[in-house]
Amino acid sequence: EVQLQASGGGLVQPEDSLRLSCAASGFTFGNYDMKWVRQAPGKRPEWISTILRSSRKTYYAASVKGRFTISRDNAKNMLYLQMTSLKFEDTAVYYCATYSDEYRGQGTLVTVSS
């Protein structure tokens, strides 16, 4: 059974940092480019970052570039998203997925509020 389980979300204040994790199982994680996507209440899903299977290249949406860092550990089948300088508009459910959406996990809620 394929699973992508995101965790690490929570309630934080503006300018705080948070690290999300995504545990992958049931498929060969290292063979896939991976991404993080978020969906804010009432809005469409927004792609925010991609990391290639080799970790050699990463890509970011303009809205998070310079604040978020994507990484992965293929030996542990783990994907990460380090988020810094969080803003109100970062409030969303964050999902991890394979780049072409073969697999997508349940999300974790990040709420930025003062």
Protein backbone atom coordinates (compact mmCIF):
# COMPACT_ATOMS: atom_id res chain seq x y z
CA GLU A 1 0.00 0.00 0.00
CA VAL A 2 1.36 3.39 -1.02
CA GLN A 3 1.45 5.95 1.73
CA LEU A 4 2.63 9.54 1.90
CA GLN A 5 2.07 10.86 5.37
CA ALA A 6 2.77 14.50 6.03
CA SER A 7 3.33 15.71 9.56
CA GLY A 8 4.71 18.63 11.49
CA GLY A 9 1.98 21.18 10.98
CA GLY A 10 0.57 23.29 13.72
CA LEU A 11 -0.32 26.74 14.97
CA VAL A 12 2.49 29.26 14.75
CA GLN A 13 2.92 33.00 14.85
CA PRO A 14 4.11 35.20 12.00
CA GLU A 15 7.88 35.02 11.48
CA ASP A 16 8.05 31.63 13.17
CA SER A 17 9.63 28.57 11.58
CA LEU A 18 8.24 25.11 11.09
CA ARG A 19 9.55 21.91 9.55
CA LEU A 20 7.21 19.58 7.75
CA SER A 21 8.02 15.94 7.12
CA CYS A 22 6.57 13.44 4.70
CA ALA A 23 7.09 9.73 5.22
CA ALA A 24 6.84 7.65 2.07
CA SER A 25 6.21 3.93 1.85
CA GLY A 26 4.91 1.36 -0.60
CA PHE A 27 6.87 2.60 -3.60
CA THR A 28 10.47 3.26 -4.57
CA PHE A 29 10.76 6.78 -3.21
CA GLY A 30 14.19 7.44 -4.68
CA ASN A 31 12.87 6.93 -8.20
CA TYR A 32 10.49 9.87 -8.03
CA ASP A 33 10.79 13.61 -8.17
CA MET A 34 8.74 14.97 -5.30
CA LYS A 35 6.80 18.12 -4.53
CA TRP A 36 4.94 19.99 -1.85
CA VAL A 37 1.57 21.49 -2.61
CA ARG A 38 -0.64 23.53 -0.35
CA GLN A 39 -4.27 24.44 -0.32
CA ALA A 40 -5.55 27.41 1.59
CA PRO A 41 -9.18 27.56 2.71
CA GLY A 42 -11.41 28.35 -0.24
CA LYS A 43 -8.56 28.38 -2.72
CA ARG A 44 -7.16 26.06 -5.35
CA PRO A 45 -4.13 23.93 -4.64
CA GLU A 46 -0.86 25.78 -5.08
CA TRP A 47 2.38 24.11 -6.04
CA ILE A 48 5.16 25.43 -3.84
CA SER A 49 8.26 23.34 -4.31
CA THR A 50 9.82 20.43 -6.19
CA ILE A 51 12.97 18.42 -5.59
CA LEU A 52 14.44 16.07 -8.13
CA ARG A 53 15.03 12.46 -7.20
CA SER A 54 18.77 13.06 -6.94
CA SER A 55 18.30 16.22 -4.85
CA ARG A 56 20.53 18.03 -7.33
CA LYS A 57 17.90 20.58 -8.19
CA THR A 58 15.11 22.26 -6.32
CA TYR A 59 12.43 24.63 -7.48
CA TYR A 60 10.22 27.05 -5.60
CA ALA A 61 7.17 29.15 -6.18
CA ALA A 62 7.82 32.84 -6.00
CA SER A 63 5.59 33.07 -2.93
CA VAL A 64 7.94 30.93 -0.85
CA LYS A 65 11.34 31.32 -2.50
CA GLY A 66 13.96 32.39 -0.03
CA ARG A 67 11.83 31.33 2.94
CA PHE A 68 11.18 27.64 2.36
CA THR A 69 13.68 24.86 1.73
CA ILE A 70 12.78 21.45 0.35
CA SER A 71 14.98 18.45 1.00
CA ARG A 72 14.84 14.70 1.01
CA ASP A 73 16.55 11.66 2.45
CA ASN A 74 16.18 8.80 0.05
CA ALA A 75 17.72 6.34 2.48
CA LYS A 76 14.95 7.10 4.95
CA ASN A 77 12.18 7.63 2.37
CA MET A 78 11.58 11.08 3.78
CA LEU A 79 10.70 14.43 2.26
CA TYR A 80 11.00 17.67 4.19
CA LEU A 81 9.95 21.28 3.97
CA GLN A 82 11.71 23.77 6.20
CA MET A 83 9.60 26.90 6.45
CA THR A 84 10.89 30.15 7.89
CA SER A 85 9.54 33.67 8.21
CA LEU A 86 6.01 32.34 8.06
CA LYS A 87 3.26 34.69 7.01
CA PHE A 88 -0.48 34.72 7.51
CA GLU A 89 -0.90 33.78 3.86
CA ASP A 90 1.08 30.58 4.40
CA THR A 91 -1.90 29.17 6.29
CA ALA A 92 -2.97 26.05 4.39
CA VAL A 93 -3.04 22.29 4.34
CA TYR A 94 0.31 21.11 3.03
CA TYR A 95 0.55 17.94 0.96
CA CYS A 96 3.46 15.94 -0.32
CA ALA A 97 3.19 14.14 -3.63
CA THR A 98 5.16 12.64 -6.43
CA TYR A 99 5.80 15.28 -9.06
CA SER A 100 3.40 13.83 -11.61
CA ASP A 101 0.78 13.05 -8.98
CA GLU A 102 1.06 9.30 -9.19
CA TYR A 103 0.87 9.37 -5.42
CA ARG A 104 -0.38 12.01 -3.02
CA GLY A 105 -0.71 11.88 0.69
CA GLN A 106 -2.93 13.36 3.32
CA GLY A 107 -1.92 16.79 4.34
CA THR A 108 -0.90 18.55 7.48
CA LEU A 109 -2.44 21.85 8.53
CA VAL A 110 -0.28 24.89 9.07
CA THR A 111 -1.97 27.85 10.66
CA VAL A 112 -0.16 31.15 10.98
CA SER A 113 -1.92 33.42 13.40
CA SER A 114 -1.11 36.03 15.99
